[in-house]
Amino acid sequence: MSIINGKAYDWGDVNIAIPGLSLEVQEISYDDELEKEVVYGKGLRPRGFGEGNYKSEGKLSLLRDDYDDLIAYCKAQGVGLYKLVIPKIVISYADGNSRTRTDVLNTVTFTKASHKNAQGDKSLKVDLDFIIVNGIDRDGVKPV
């Protein structure tokens, strides 16, 4: 949670836009990383570092009726859930008086759907794992 001008960003300040879909996402999490490791030469100390692959992935949580809408969308597009490619998911958040911050998840495709229901649940949720093929832009800045 970020604090700007004394007000903390909260879930009510987050808007998620998926082109062509109208879903109310319960939760979204995403991360990225660049593999790095030290490189050794003569002696015991590293002489530098090398970089490997960049990777980004995440998870969406939806209510079951929104998941059903997503499946209906896939059916209308003629693709299965795991063949669906979303060009971008835009997450924007802001306090009313500050500028809007935007993260763009570029080229998203789902890899796993998890359903869990238990006695006493007040709602049914579905978790969808995804990979972000073309990375995350944060306020227009690419990480690599």
Protein backbone atom coordinates (compact mmCIF):
# COMPACT_ATOMS: atom_id res chain seq x y z
CA MET A 1 0.00 0.00 0.00
CA SER A 2 1.35 3.42 -0.97
CA ILE A 3 0.75 6.64 0.92
CA ILE A 4 0.44 9.87 -1.07
CA ASN A 5 -0.37 13.20 0.62
CA GLY A 6 -1.50 11.34 3.74
CA LYS A 7 -3.99 9.10 1.88
CA ALA A 8 -3.14 5.47 1.33
CA TYR A 9 -3.99 3.80 -1.95
CA ASP A 10 -6.57 1.11 -1.31
CA TRP A 11 -8.51 -1.42 -3.36
CA GLY A 12 -11.24 1.14 -4.07
CA ASP A 13 -8.67 3.21 -5.97
CA VAL A 14 -7.72 0.35 -8.33
CA ASN A 15 -9.33 -0.01 -11.77
CA ILE A 16 -8.53 -2.95 -14.03
CA ALA A 17 -9.39 -2.75 -17.74
CA ILE A 18 -9.28 -5.78 -20.01
CA PRO A 19 -10.12 -4.92 -23.66
CA GLY A 20 -13.53 -6.34 -24.63
CA LEU A 21 -14.30 -7.69 -21.17
CA SER A 22 -16.25 -6.27 -18.28
CA LEU A 23 -15.05 -8.18 -15.21
CA GLU A 24 -14.98 -7.21 -11.56
CA VAL A 25 -11.70 -8.66 -10.40
CA GLN A 26 -11.51 -9.46 -6.68
CA GLU A 27 -7.72 -9.49 -6.56
CA ILE A 28 -4.75 -9.15 -8.88
CA SER A 29 -1.10 -9.75 -8.13
CA TYR A 30 1.83 -9.69 -10.52
CA ASP A 31 5.57 -9.67 -10.37
CA ASP A 32 8.59 -9.66 -12.59
CA GLU A 33 12.25 -10.48 -12.27
CA LEU A 34 15.53 -10.41 -14.12
CA GLU A 35 17.87 -13.29 -13.38
CA LYS A 36 21.27 -12.11 -12.19
CA GLU A 37 24.28 -13.88 -10.77
CA VAL A 38 27.79 -12.94 -9.83
CA VAL A 39 30.66 -13.89 -12.14
CA TYR A 40 33.99 -15.00 -10.71
CA GLY A 41 37.47 -14.90 -12.12
CA LYS A 42 40.76 -15.38 -10.32
CA GLY A 43 40.50 -15.12 -6.54
CA LEU A 44 37.60 -15.32 -4.14
CA ARG A 45 35.74 -12.14 -4.97
CA PRO A 46 33.29 -11.65 -7.82
CA ARG A 47 34.51 -9.54 -10.70
CA GLY A 48 31.07 -8.65 -12.02
CA PHE A 49 27.65 -10.06 -12.70
CA GLY A 50 25.80 -11.65 -15.57
CA GLU A 51 22.16 -11.32 -16.53
CA GLY A 52 19.79 -14.04 -17.58
CA ASN A 53 16.17 -14.06 -18.65
CA TYR A 54 13.44 -11.59 -17.73
CA LYS A 55 10.20 -13.18 -16.51
CA SER A 56 6.82 -11.79 -15.46
CA GLU A 57 3.68 -13.53 -14.20
CA GLY A 58 0.66 -13.01 -12.01
CA LYS A 59 -2.70 -14.13 -10.66
CA LEU A 60 -6.31 -12.90 -10.89
CA SER A 61 -9.09 -13.83 -8.50
CA LEU A 62 -12.64 -13.60 -9.82
CA LEU A 63 -16.06 -14.39 -8.46
CA ARG A 64 -17.51 -17.49 -10.12
CA ASP A 65 -20.07 -15.51 -12.15
CA ASP A 66 -17.29 -13.30 -13.58
CA TYR A 67 -15.30 -16.44 -14.40
CA ASP A 68 -18.39 -17.79 -16.20
CA ASP A 69 -18.53 -14.50 -18.18
CA LEU A 70 -14.85 -14.99 -19.11
CA ILE A 71 -15.58 -18.53 -20.33
CA ALA A 72 -18.55 -17.20 -22.36
CA TYR A 73 -16.22 -14.55 -23.86
CA CYS A 74 -13.75 -17.30 -24.84
CA LYS A 75 -16.55 -19.30 -26.42
CA ALA A 76 -17.72 -16.24 -28.40
CA GLN A 77 -14.11 -15.72 -29.59
CA GLY A 78 -13.83 -19.41 -30.56
CA VAL A 79 -10.86 -20.10 -28.26
CA GLY A 80 -10.34 -22.06 -25.08
CA LEU A 81 -9.35 -20.32 -21.84
CA TYR A 82 -5.69 -21.35 -22.19
CA LYS A 83 -5.57 -20.21 -25.84
CA LEU A 84 -6.96 -16.74 -25.05
CA VAL A 85 -4.36 -13.99 -25.45
CA ILE A 86 -5.22 -10.65 -23.87
CA PRO A 87 -3.21 -7.86 -25.57
CA LYS A 88 -2.95 -5.88 -22.34
CA ILE A 89 -4.36 -5.64 -18.87
CA VAL A 90 -4.24 -2.08 -17.55
CA ILE A 91 -4.16 -1.49 -13.79
CA SER A 92 -4.48 2.13 -12.74
CA TYR A 93 -4.76 3.62 -9.28
CA ALA A 94 -4.86 7.08 -7.81
CA ASP A 95 -6.02 9.15 -4.92
CA GLY A 96 -8.57 11.70 -6.13
CA ASN A 97 -6.12 14.62 -5.98
CA SER A 98 -2.93 12.97 -7.21
CA ARG A 99 -1.91 11.75 -10.62
CA THR A 100 -3.00 8.34 -11.81
CA ARG A 101 -0.36 5.60 -11.73
CA THR A 102 -0.65 2.94 -14.41
CA ASP A 103 0.84 -0.52 -14.81
CA VAL A 104 0.31 -2.27 -18.15
CA LEU A 105 0.64 -6.05 -18.36
CA ASN A 106 1.49 -6.70 -22.02
CA THR A 107 0.34 -9.88 -23.78
CA VAL A 108 -1.26 -11.96 -21.05
CA THR A 109 -2.25 -15.62 -21.33
CA PHE A 110 -3.70 -17.90 -18.65
CA THR A 111 -1.83 -21.00 -17.48
CA LYS A 112 -3.90 -22.37 -14.58
CA ALA A 113 -7.40 -22.13 -13.12
CA SER A 114 -7.93 -23.02 -9.45
CA HIS A 115 -11.40 -23.60 -8.02
CA LYS A 116 -11.90 -23.90 -4.27
CA ASN A 117 -15.21 -24.02 -2.45
CA ALA A 118 -15.77 -24.81 1.20
CA GLN A 119 -18.65 -25.05 3.64
CA GLY A 120 -19.49 -21.61 4.96
CA ASP A 121 -18.14 -19.70 1.95
CA LYS A 122 -20.14 -16.55 1.27
CA SER A 123 -18.96 -16.42 -2.35
CA LEU A 124 -17.27 -18.73 -4.84
CA LYS A 125 -13.93 -17.59 -6.28
CA VAL A 126 -11.70 -18.78 -9.09
CA ASP A 127 -7.97 -18.02 -9.19
CA LEU A 128 -6.33 -17.70 -12.62
CA ASP A 129 -2.55 -17.84 -12.96
CA PHE A 130 -1.08 -16.11 -16.00
CA ILE A 131 2.18 -15.24 -17.70
CA ILE A 132 2.97 -11.80 -19.05
CA VAL A 133 4.77 -12.42 -22.33
CA ASN A 134 5.89 -8.87 -23.15
CA GLY A 135 6.54 -7.58 -19.66
CA ILE A 136 5.14 -4.92 -17.36
CA ASP A 137 5.26 -1.21 -18.17
CA ARG A 138 5.12 0.97 -15.04
CA ASP A 139 3.99 4.50 -15.83
CA GLY A 140 5.23 3.98 -19.40
CA VAL A 141 8.66 2.65 -18.38
CA LYS A 142 9.78 -0.83 -19.46
CA PRO A 143 11.78 -2.76 -16.85
CA VAL A 144 14.45 -3.99 -19.28
